[in-house]
Every structure is written in structure tokens, then in C-alpha cells.
């Protein structure tokens, strides 16, 4: 039997992509053990983790960013994951963490187009006919790491930011499971 991949999740929002990973892990679709979820915000992702009996840790960023980076690294080291899953985590990770751990990120655009926190809005404002989603390795840049997998999502006439983002999330949920199935072999 192949050993289960040990993963730690970082999330800052609703946790819908994390929920997909939790469900796939619990059902055996993924050979992954979710060690914990860490969030910088009080958010639905923490509640989703708790509902799955996954340790849910709130680490708000208040004040000293250097101390927060150090505290985050120490907490991650306590869990000793094989992989960190950044699933809607809205913080840039410090290079000290990136040197010690492999991190993948989901991003709601077809990178290298529209990196950063406002990817969906930026895609709509640019007038392009499609956007998408990307799973990539995290490096020290903003959404600049090596691309693992991508999906195109067409922009429809009259699309709103929230509507397009929801359609992108549907594809992100499918893509993250495919990527994790390949990584957890």
C-alpha cells in the first residue's frame, strides 16, 4: 500500500475548494491525509475544516509581519506536511517557508495572465474572451511559479465578476483533484 501524502491547507475565504479536497480525502478519491487548515481570517474555511474534524487554526495577521511569518513557519513545522495546499489563501508566503516546504496554489486565471488578488475583475475589465484557472507551484513571486495544470473558462456576454468567479471555481475544484491524484501516487 502506498503511504498517504500528508497535506496542510491554507485558506482565507469560503473554503469551497478546500471542501472539495476534504471530501475527496474522506471518500478515498485522494490518497491524502489533511493535517490541518490554517487561516489568516475568521472565515467559512475554518468551519468547513472543523466539520471534517480537521484542526482549524486561526492565525490573524495583526501588526508585525515578520513575527507572523515566523509563527506560521513554526506552526507548519509542527505538522510536518509533505505538501502545503494554498486554496484561496490571500497572503504571500515568506521565503523561509518556501525553502522548507513544497506549496501548490490555485489561482482564478489562466496564468501568466492576470496574476494577483483581482484576477477575475482584471480579466473582465481587459475585454478578453476567456480566462481560466491555474494550479502552480509557489515561488517567491506573485503567481509566478511553475504551472502544473490549467483550464480555460470562457467569458460570456454579460458575465459579472461573481458569476465568472463561480464558473472558474467549478473548474478549479475538478482540476485540484486531478492534480492531487497525480501528486499522491
Protein backbone atom coordinates (compact mmCIF):
# COMPACT_ATOMS: atom_id res chain seq x y z
CA UNK A 1 0.00 0.00 0.00
CA UNK A 2 1.24 3.47 -0.90
CA UNK A 3 1.69 5.84 2.05
CA UNK A 4 -0.80 8.70 2.25
CA UNK A 5 0.50 12.12 1.32
CA UNK A 6 0.30 14.45 4.32
CA UNK A 7 -1.04 17.89 3.38
CA UNK A 8 -1.71 21.12 5.23
CA UNK A 9 -4.27 23.56 3.83
CA UNK A 10 -4.03 27.37 3.86
CA UNK A 11 -7.25 29.28 3.11
CA UNK A 12 -8.65 32.77 3.68
CA UNK A 13 -12.22 32.60 2.41
CA UNK A 14 -15.24 30.41 1.93
CA UNK A 15 -13.19 27.24 1.62
CA UNK A 16 -15.20 25.76 -1.23
CA UNK A 17 -12.09 24.37 -2.91
CA UNK A 18 -10.80 23.09 0.43
CA UNK A 19 -14.18 21.41 0.96
CA UNK A 20 -13.72 19.54 -2.32
CA UNK A 21 -10.30 18.32 -1.15
CA UNK A 22 -11.66 17.33 2.29
CA UNK A 23 -14.50 15.36 0.69
CA UNK A 24 -12.17 13.62 -1.79
CA UNK A 25 -9.77 12.69 1.01
CA UNK A 26 -12.54 11.35 3.23
CA UNK A 27 -14.11 9.31 0.42
CA UNK A 28 -10.79 7.81 -0.69
CA UNK A 29 -10.74 9.57 -4.07
CA UNK A 30 -7.48 11.15 -2.87
CA UNK A 31 -4.75 9.29 -1.01
CA UNK A 32 -4.12 12.35 1.13
CA UNK A 33 -4.32 12.98 4.86
CA UNK A 34 -5.32 16.56 5.66
CA UNK A 35 -3.33 17.51 8.76
CA UNK A 36 -4.88 20.92 9.44
CA UNK A 37 -6.25 24.10 7.92
CA UNK A 38 -4.67 27.43 8.80
CA UNK A 39 -6.37 30.73 8.01
CA UNK A 40 -5.36 34.33 8.47
CA UNK A 41 -9.05 35.33 8.73
CA UNK A 42 -12.12 34.15 10.61
CA UNK A 43 -13.86 32.55 7.67
CA UNK A 44 -16.05 29.71 6.49
CA UNK A 45 -12.98 27.62 5.59
CA UNK A 46 -12.27 27.20 9.33
CA UNK A 47 -15.81 25.93 9.92
CA UNK A 48 -15.56 23.53 6.99
CA UNK A 49 -12.35 22.05 8.41
CA UNK A 50 -13.86 21.68 11.89
CA UNK A 51 -16.89 19.93 10.40
CA UNK A 52 -14.47 17.34 8.97
CA UNK A 53 -12.68 17.05 12.32
CA UNK A 54 -9.60 18.66 10.80
CA UNK A 55 -7.73 21.01 13.15
CA UNK A 56 -8.76 24.57 12.21
CA UNK A 57 -6.25 27.20 13.23
CA UNK A 58 -6.89 30.94 13.06
CA UNK A 59 -3.66 32.93 12.81
CA UNK A 60 -4.65 36.56 12.20
CA UNK A 61 -2.07 38.89 10.76
CA UNK A 62 -2.11 41.79 13.17
CA UNK A 63 0.90 44.03 13.40
CA UNK A 64 4.35 42.55 12.92
CA UNK A 65 4.52 40.66 9.60
CA UNK A 66 7.98 39.24 10.38
CA UNK A 67 6.69 37.68 13.61
CA UNK A 68 3.58 36.35 11.83
CA UNK A 69 5.76 34.74 9.14
CA UNK A 70 7.89 33.14 11.86
CA UNK A 71 4.83 31.92 13.79
CA UNK A 72 3.30 30.49 10.60
CA UNK A 73 6.52 28.65 9.77
CA UNK A 74 6.70 27.22 13.31
CA UNK A 75 3.08 26.04 13.14
CA UNK A 76 3.62 24.41 9.74
CA UNK A 77 6.80 22.74 11.02
CA UNK A 78 4.77 21.28 13.93
CA UNK A 79 2.59 19.44 11.40
CA UNK A 80 5.50 18.46 9.09
CA UNK A 81 3.42 18.18 5.90
CA UNK A 82 4.68 16.64 2.68
CA UNK A 83 2.80 19.35 0.79
CA UNK A 84 1.04 22.64 1.53
CA UNK A 85 -2.14 23.44 -0.39
CA UNK A 86 -2.80 27.16 -0.77
CA UNK A 87 -6.50 27.12 -1.61
CA UNK A 88 -7.69 30.71 -1.69
CA UNK A 89 -5.06 31.89 0.80
CA UNK A 90 -4.65 35.62 0.27
CA UNK A 91 -1.17 36.12 1.72
CA UNK A 92 2.23 35.98 0.09
CA UNK A 93 4.26 33.26 1.80
CA UNK A 94 7.66 34.10 3.21
CA UNK A 95 10.71 32.63 1.52
CA UNK A 96 11.71 30.86 4.76
CA UNK A 97 8.57 28.70 4.47
CA UNK A 98 9.05 28.16 0.74
CA UNK A 99 12.60 26.92 1.29
CA UNK A 100 11.39 24.18 3.65
CA UNK A 101 8.07 23.09 2.14
CA UNK A 102 6.56 22.39 -1.26
CA UNK A 103 3.49 24.57 -1.84
CA UNK A 104 0.91 24.50 -4.61
CA UNK A 105 -1.63 27.24 -5.23
CA UNK A 106 -4.92 27.52 -7.08
CA UNK A 107 -5.40 30.75 -8.99
CA UNK A 108 -8.53 32.00 -10.79
CA UNK A 109 -6.93 32.95 -14.11
CA UNK A 110 -5.07 31.36 -16.97
CA UNK A 111 -1.59 32.38 -15.84
CA UNK A 112 0.59 34.19 -16.71
CA UNK A 113 -2.42 36.39 -17.49
CA UNK A 114 -3.94 38.25 -14.55
CA UNK A 115 -1.79 37.37 -11.54
CA UNK A 116 -2.64 38.78 -8.13
CA UNK A 117 -5.66 39.26 -5.93
CA UNK A 118 -8.07 40.70 -8.52
CA UNK A 119 -7.64 38.22 -11.36
CA UNK A 120 -11.31 37.78 -12.22
CA UNK A 121 -12.03 41.51 -12.17
CA UNK A 122 -8.88 42.20 -14.21
CA UNK A 123 -9.89 39.62 -16.84
CA UNK A 124 -13.36 41.13 -17.20
CA UNK A 125 -12.01 44.66 -17.45
CA UNK A 126 -9.45 43.69 -20.09
CA UNK A 127 -12.08 42.56 -22.57
CA UNK A 128 -10.52 39.11 -23.23
CA UNK A 129 -12.82 36.32 -24.40
CA UNK A 130 -11.60 33.74 -21.88
CA UNK A 131 -9.88 33.36 -18.56
CA UNK A 132 -9.47 30.14 -16.60
CA UNK A 133 -7.77 28.61 -13.63
CA UNK A 134 -4.24 27.50 -12.85
CA UNK A 135 -2.63 25.18 -10.34
CA UNK A 136 1.03 26.12 -9.87
CA UNK A 137 3.99 25.65 -7.59
CA UNK A 138 4.51 28.64 -5.32
CA UNK A 139 7.73 30.57 -5.57
CA UNK A 140 8.76 33.96 -4.16
CA UNK A 141 6.85 35.91 -6.83
CA UNK A 142 3.14 36.62 -7.11
CA UNK A 143 1.61 33.76 -9.12
CA UNK A 144 4.89 33.22 -11.00
CA UNK A 145 5.69 29.62 -10.02
CA UNK A 146 5.90 26.70 -12.43
CA UNK A 147 2.49 25.81 -13.84
CA UNK A 148 1.23 22.31 -13.06
CA UNK A 149 -2.14 22.37 -14.84
CA UNK A 150 -4.65 24.83 -16.34
CA UNK A 151 -8.20 25.02 -17.66
CA UNK A 152 -9.77 27.63 -19.92
CA UNK A 153 -13.08 29.20 -18.86
CA UNK A 154 -14.87 31.31 -21.49
CA UNK A 155 -16.09 34.77 -20.56
CA UNK A 156 -19.73 35.00 -21.54
CA UNK A 157 -21.55 38.16 -22.66
CA UNK A 158 -22.90 39.95 -19.59
CA UNK A 159 -20.71 37.99 -17.15
CA UNK A 160 -20.46 39.54 -13.71
CA UNK A 161 -17.35 39.20 -11.59
CA UNK A 162 -19.12 36.89 -9.13
CA UNK A 163 -20.69 34.76 -11.88
CA UNK A 164 -17.43 34.30 -13.74
CA UNK A 165 -15.60 33.57 -10.48
CA UNK A 166 -18.10 30.84 -9.59
CA UNK A 167 -17.67 29.20 -13.01
CA UNK A 168 -13.90 29.34 -12.57
CA UNK A 169 -14.20 27.76 -9.11
CA UNK A 170 -16.14 24.83 -10.61
CA UNK A 171 -13.15 24.14 -12.87
CA UNK A 172 -10.65 24.75 -10.03
CA UNK A 173 -12.39 22.07 -7.93
CA UNK A 174 -12.06 19.49 -10.70
CA UNK A 175 -8.50 20.49 -11.55
CA UNK A 176 -7.19 20.42 -7.96
CA UNK A 177 -8.44 16.86 -7.52
CA UNK A 178 -6.80 15.76 -10.78
CA UNK A 179 -3.51 17.39 -9.79
CA UNK A 180 -3.56 15.91 -6.28
CA UNK A 181 -4.38 12.44 -7.61
CA UNK A 182 -1.24 12.65 -9.75
CA UNK A 183 0.92 14.01 -6.91
CA UNK A 184 -0.32 11.46 -4.38
CA UNK A 185 0.57 8.35 -6.41
